[in-house]
Amino acid sequence: MIKVQTTDFNLQAEHDKLREKSSVGAVVTFSGLVRDINQGKEVSSLTLEHYPGMTEKSLTKIVEQAKSRWNIIDCTVIHRIGELKLSDQIVFVGIASLHRQDAFAACEFIMDYLKTEAPFWKKESTTDNESYWVDAREGDLKALNKWSK
């Protein structure tokens, strides 16, 4: 399941959906939050924009790549858009698989690709009433490179 939405999501409910099948032996989840500092600046909010249709297509491709690499029983990706406040949930990635190794690897792979390849645009606002667009960090790009080996 892939969703791009303005509304929040319930971590427990999403986790419970992933473990419904009796063949599931592992569920790994990740949720990203709006933090109060980035690049040395105090952040007051984060605004996420996307290109409808293109974003969902990109997310589907990322999930399909993960499914071709690991034994995944089920996968959920939820990404929020719009203006988010400090500590708001931004993204949820959940993987259900037979074994933990596949679930951990697939979850990390999907997040690395979301951070660098998915068509989302992030604008941070600071406590100094400054706003700026955020690019992928060098660390995010390095993390992505490990999957091409």
C-alpha atoms as a PDB file:
ATOM      1  CA  MET A   1       0.000   0.000   0.000  1.00  0.00           C
ATOM      2  CA  ILE A   2       1.284   3.427  -0.946  1.00  0.00           C
ATOM      3  CA  LYS A   3      -0.345   6.644   0.260  1.00  0.00           C
ATOM      4  CA  VAL A   4       0.519  10.321  -0.096  1.00  0.00           C
ATOM      5  CA  GLN A   5      -1.676  12.310   2.268  1.00  0.00           C
ATOM      6  CA  THR A   6      -2.048  15.423   4.395  1.00  0.00           C
ATOM      7  CA  THR A   7      -3.559  13.572   7.352  1.00  0.00           C
ATOM      8  CA  ASP A   8      -1.572  11.882  10.100  1.00  0.00           C
ATOM      9  CA  PHE A   9      -1.311   8.102  10.398  1.00  0.00           C
ATOM     10  CA  ASN A  10      -1.572   5.696  13.325  1.00  0.00           C
ATOM     11  CA  LEU A  11       1.651   3.739  13.862  1.00  0.00           C
ATOM     12  CA  GLN A  12      -0.002   0.906  15.763  1.00  0.00           C
ATOM     13  CA  ALA A  13      -2.791   0.465  13.219  1.00  0.00           C
ATOM     14  CA  GLU A  14      -0.288   0.354  10.332  1.00  0.00           C
ATOM     15  CA  HIS A  15       1.908  -2.127  12.214  1.00  0.00           C
ATOM     16  CA  ASP A  16      -1.095  -4.346  12.989  1.00  0.00           C
ATOM     17  CA  LYS A  17      -2.137  -4.453   9.304  1.00  0.00           C
ATOM     18  CA  LEU A  18       1.338  -5.665   8.342  1.00  0.00           C
ATOM     19  CA  ARG A  19       1.234  -8.634  10.709  1.00  0.00           C
ATOM     20  CA  GLU A  20      -2.209  -9.961   9.713  1.00  0.00           C
ATOM     21  CA  LYS A  21      -0.893 -12.860   7.588  1.00  0.00           C
ATOM     22  CA  SER A  22       0.195 -15.928   9.537  1.00  0.00           C
ATOM     23  CA  SER A  23       3.291 -16.336   7.333  1.00  0.00           C
ATOM     24  CA  VAL A  24       4.775 -13.086   8.657  1.00  0.00           C
ATOM     25  CA  GLY A  25       7.796 -13.720  10.845  1.00  0.00           C
ATOM     26  CA  ALA A  26       9.088 -10.154  11.070  1.00  0.00           C
ATOM     27  CA  VAL A  27       7.749  -6.624  10.851  1.00  0.00           C
ATOM     28  CA  VAL A  28      10.169  -3.718  10.615  1.00  0.00           C
ATOM     29  CA  THR A  29       8.887  -0.150  10.615  1.00  0.00           C
ATOM     30  CA  PHE A  30      10.390   3.298  10.329  1.00  0.00           C
ATOM     31  CA  SER A  31       8.714   6.603  10.995  1.00  0.00           C
ATOM     32  CA  GLY A  32      10.321   9.959  10.307  1.00  0.00           C
ATOM     33  CA  LEU A  33       9.460  13.056  12.309  1.00  0.00           C
ATOM     34  CA  VAL A  34       9.859  16.820  11.920  1.00  0.00           C
ATOM     35  CA  ARG A  35      12.832  17.782  14.093  1.00  0.00           C
ATOM     36  CA  ASP A  36      13.579  21.146  15.627  1.00  0.00           C
ATOM     37  CA  ILE A  37      17.036  21.648  14.134  1.00  0.00           C
ATOM     38  CA  ASN A  38      18.607  21.078  10.723  1.00  0.00           C
ATOM     39  CA  GLN A  39      21.920  22.264   9.321  1.00  0.00           C
ATOM     40  CA  GLY A  40      22.512  24.264  12.497  1.00  0.00           C
ATOM     41  CA  LYS A  41      19.270  26.243  12.209  1.00  0.00           C
ATOM     42  CA  GLU A  42      16.271  26.076  14.531  1.00  0.00           C
ATOM     43  CA  VAL A  43      13.313  24.778  12.545  1.00  0.00           C
ATOM     44  CA  SER A  44       9.747  25.875  13.298  1.00  0.00           C
ATOM     45  CA  SER A  45       7.910  23.908  10.581  1.00  0.00           C
ATOM     46  CA  LEU A  46       8.343  21.851   7.418  1.00  0.00           C
ATOM     47  CA  THR A  47       6.286  22.095   4.257  1.00  0.00           C
ATOM     48  CA  LEU A  48       6.289  19.164   1.828  1.00  0.00           C
ATOM     49  CA  GLU A  49       5.109  19.448  -1.754  1.00  0.00           C
ATOM     50  CA  HIS A  50       4.819  16.776  -4.418  1.00  0.00           C
ATOM     51  CA  TYR A  51       3.774  16.185  -7.987  1.00  0.00           C
ATOM     52  CA  PRO A  52       0.497  14.188  -7.820  1.00  0.00           C
ATOM     53  CA  GLY A  53       0.545  11.044  -9.902  1.00  0.00           C
ATOM     54  CA  MET A  54       4.268  11.222 -10.544  1.00  0.00           C
ATOM     55  CA  THR A  55       5.029  10.828  -6.832  1.00  0.00           C
ATOM     56  CA  GLU A  56       2.875   7.721  -6.437  1.00  0.00           C
ATOM     57  CA  LYS A  57       4.404   6.225  -9.583  1.00  0.00           C
ATOM     58  CA  SER A  58       7.897   6.844  -8.206  1.00  0.00           C
ATOM     59  CA  LEU A  59       7.019   5.312  -4.829  1.00  0.00           C
ATOM     60  CA  THR A  60       5.536   2.262  -6.567  1.00  0.00           C
ATOM     61  CA  LYS A  61       8.768   1.789  -8.531  1.00  0.00           C
ATOM     62  CA  ILE A  62      10.872   2.009  -5.352  1.00  0.00           C
ATOM     63  CA  VAL A  63       8.686  -0.588  -3.606  1.00  0.00           C
ATOM     64  CA  GLU A  64       8.780  -2.878  -6.662  1.00  0.00           C
ATOM     65  CA  GLN A  65      12.590  -2.697  -6.643  1.00  0.00           C
ATOM     66  CA  ALA A  66      12.643  -3.675  -2.965  1.00  0.00           C
ATOM     67  CA  LYS A  67      10.257  -6.574  -3.618  1.00  0.00           C
ATOM     68  CA  SER A  68      12.528  -7.833  -6.402  1.00  0.00           C
ATOM     69  CA  ARG A  69      15.545  -7.829  -4.062  1.00  0.00           C
ATOM     70  CA  TRP A  70      14.069  -9.233  -0.838  1.00  0.00           C
ATOM     71  CA  ASN A  71      11.367 -11.654   0.208  1.00  0.00           C
ATOM     72  CA  ILE A  72       8.640  -9.205   1.223  1.00  0.00           C
ATOM     73  CA  ILE A  73       5.171 -10.380   2.165  1.00  0.00           C
ATOM     74  CA  ASP A  74       3.687  -6.904   2.537  1.00  0.00           C
ATOM     75  CA  CYS A  75       4.828  -3.290   2.403  1.00  0.00           C
ATOM     76  CA  THR A  76       3.309   0.025   3.427  1.00  0.00           C
ATOM     77  CA  VAL A  77       4.667   3.454   2.525  1.00  0.00           C
ATOM     78  CA  ILE A  78       2.844   6.548   3.763  1.00  0.00           C
ATOM     79  CA  HIS A  79       4.283   9.999   3.085  1.00  0.00           C
ATOM     80  CA  ARG A  80       2.646  13.173   4.277  1.00  0.00           C
ATOM     81  CA  ILE A  81       2.499  16.470   2.417  1.00  0.00           C
ATOM     82  CA  GLY A  82       1.501  19.980   3.433  1.00  0.00           C
ATOM     83  CA  GLU A  83       2.670  22.011   6.402  1.00  0.00           C
ATOM     84  CA  LEU A  84       3.905  19.972   9.337  1.00  0.00           C
ATOM     85  CA  LYS A  85       4.773  21.158  12.838  1.00  0.00           C
ATOM     86  CA  LEU A  86       7.620  20.017  15.091  1.00  0.00           C
ATOM     87  CA  SER A  87       7.396  16.329  16.058  1.00  0.00           C
ATOM     88  CA  ASP A  88       4.713  15.630  13.426  1.00  0.00           C
ATOM     89  CA  GLN A  89       5.065  12.330  11.604  1.00  0.00           C
ATOM     90  CA  ILE A  90       6.309  12.710   8.030  1.00  0.00           C
ATOM     91  CA  VAL A  91       6.802   9.218   6.686  1.00  0.00           C
ATOM     92  CA  PHE A  92       6.048   5.609   7.547  1.00  0.00           C
ATOM     93  CA  VAL A  93       7.694   2.597   5.952  1.00  0.00           C
ATOM     94  CA  GLY A  94       6.647  -0.844   7.121  1.00  0.00           C
ATOM     95  CA  ILE A  95       7.856  -4.188   5.842  1.00  0.00           C
ATOM     96  CA  ALA A  96       6.465  -7.644   6.639  1.00  0.00           C
ATOM     97  CA  SER A  97       8.574 -10.642   5.697  1.00  0.00           C
ATOM     98  CA  LEU A  98       9.405 -14.177   6.702  1.00  0.00           C
ATOM     99  CA  HIS A  99      12.696 -13.153   8.294  1.00  0.00           C
ATOM    100  CA  ARG A 100      14.105 -10.010   9.928  1.00  0.00           C
ATOM    101  CA  GLN A 101      17.073  -9.641   7.564  1.00  0.00           C
ATOM    102  CA  ASP A 102      14.816  -9.086   4.550  1.00  0.00           C
ATOM    103  CA  ALA A 103      12.568  -6.721   6.496  1.00  0.00           C
ATOM    104  CA  PHE A 104      15.441  -4.582   7.806  1.00  0.00           C
ATOM    105  CA  ALA A 105      17.208  -4.387   4.440  1.00  0.00           C
ATOM    106  CA  ALA A 106      14.042  -3.569   2.485  1.00  0.00           C
ATOM    107  CA  CYS A 107      12.997  -0.872   4.958  1.00  0.00           C
ATOM    108  CA  GLU A 108      16.413   0.786   4.825  1.00  0.00           C
ATOM    109  CA  PHE A 109      16.522   0.538   1.018  1.00  0.00           C
ATOM    110  CA  ILE A 110      13.097   2.164   0.643  1.00  0.00           C
ATOM    111  CA  MET A 111      13.981   5.007   3.018  1.00  0.00           C
ATOM    112  CA  ASP A 112      17.298   5.658   1.259  1.00  0.00           C
ATOM    113  CA  TYR A 113      15.487   5.908  -2.072  1.00  0.00           C
ATOM    114  CA  LEU A 114      12.673   8.047  -0.624  1.00  0.00           C
ATOM    115  CA  LYS A 115      15.201  10.550   0.722  1.00  0.00           C
ATOM    116  CA  THR A 116      16.959  10.964  -2.626  1.00  0.00           C
ATOM    117  CA  GLU A 117      14.793   9.792  -5.526  1.00  0.00           C
ATOM    118  CA  ALA A 118      11.147  10.427  -4.676  1.00  0.00           C
ATOM    119  CA  PRO A 119       9.708  13.682  -6.059  1.00  0.00           C
ATOM    120  CA  PHE A 120       9.043  15.508  -2.809  1.00  0.00           C
ATOM    121  CA  TRP A 121      10.153  19.073  -2.182  1.00  0.00           C
ATOM    122  CA  LYS A 122      10.849  20.173   1.372  1.00  0.00           C
ATOM    123  CA  LYS A 123      10.820  23.736   2.607  1.00  0.00           C
ATOM    124  CA  GLU A 124      11.899  24.416   6.168  1.00  0.00           C
ATOM    125  CA  SER A 125      10.881  27.495   8.088  1.00  0.00           C
ATOM    126  CA  THR A 126      13.072  28.687  10.924  1.00  0.00           C
ATOM    127  CA  THR A 127      12.385  30.448  14.186  1.00  0.00           C
ATOM    128  CA  ASP A 128      13.980  33.532  12.534  1.00  0.00           C
ATOM    129  CA  ASN A 129      11.133  33.648   9.954  1.00  0.00           C
ATOM    130  CA  GLU A 130      13.481  32.395   7.236  1.00  0.00           C
ATOM    131  CA  SER A 131      12.378  29.739   4.716  1.00  0.00           C
ATOM    132  CA  TYR A 132      14.560  27.640   2.432  1.00  0.00           C
ATOM    133  CA  TRP A 133      14.287  24.553   0.245  1.00  0.00           C
ATOM    134  CA  VAL A 134      16.135  21.479   1.517  1.00  0.00           C
ATOM    135  CA  ASP A 135      18.243  19.315  -0.798  1.00  0.00           C
ATOM    136  CA  ALA A 136      19.314  15.729  -0.182  1.00  0.00           C
ATOM    137  CA  ARG A 137      22.287  15.656   2.183  1.00  0.00           C
ATOM    138  CA  GLU A 138      25.635  14.131   1.257  1.00  0.00           C
ATOM    139  CA  GLY A 139      25.015  11.348   3.781  1.00  0.00           C
ATOM    140  CA  ASP A 140      21.721  10.489   2.059  1.00  0.00           C
ATOM    141  CA  LEU A 141      23.472  10.205  -1.294  1.00  0.00           C
ATOM    142  CA  LYS A 142      26.209   8.001   0.205  1.00  0.00           C
ATOM    143  CA  ALA A 143      23.560   5.755   1.734  1.00  0.00           C
ATOM    144  CA  LEU A 144      21.925   5.376  -1.677  1.00  0.00           C
ATOM    145  CA  ASN A 145      25.215   4.363  -3.309  1.00  0.00           C
ATOM    146  CA  LYS A 146      25.577   1.243  -1.178  1.00  0.00           C
ATOM    147  CA  TRP A 147      22.540  -0.308  -2.918  1.00  0.00           C
ATOM    148  CA  SER A 148      24.115  -0.160  -6.372  1.00  0.00           C
ATOM    149  CA  LYS A 149      26.958  -2.475  -5.309  1.00  0.00           C
END
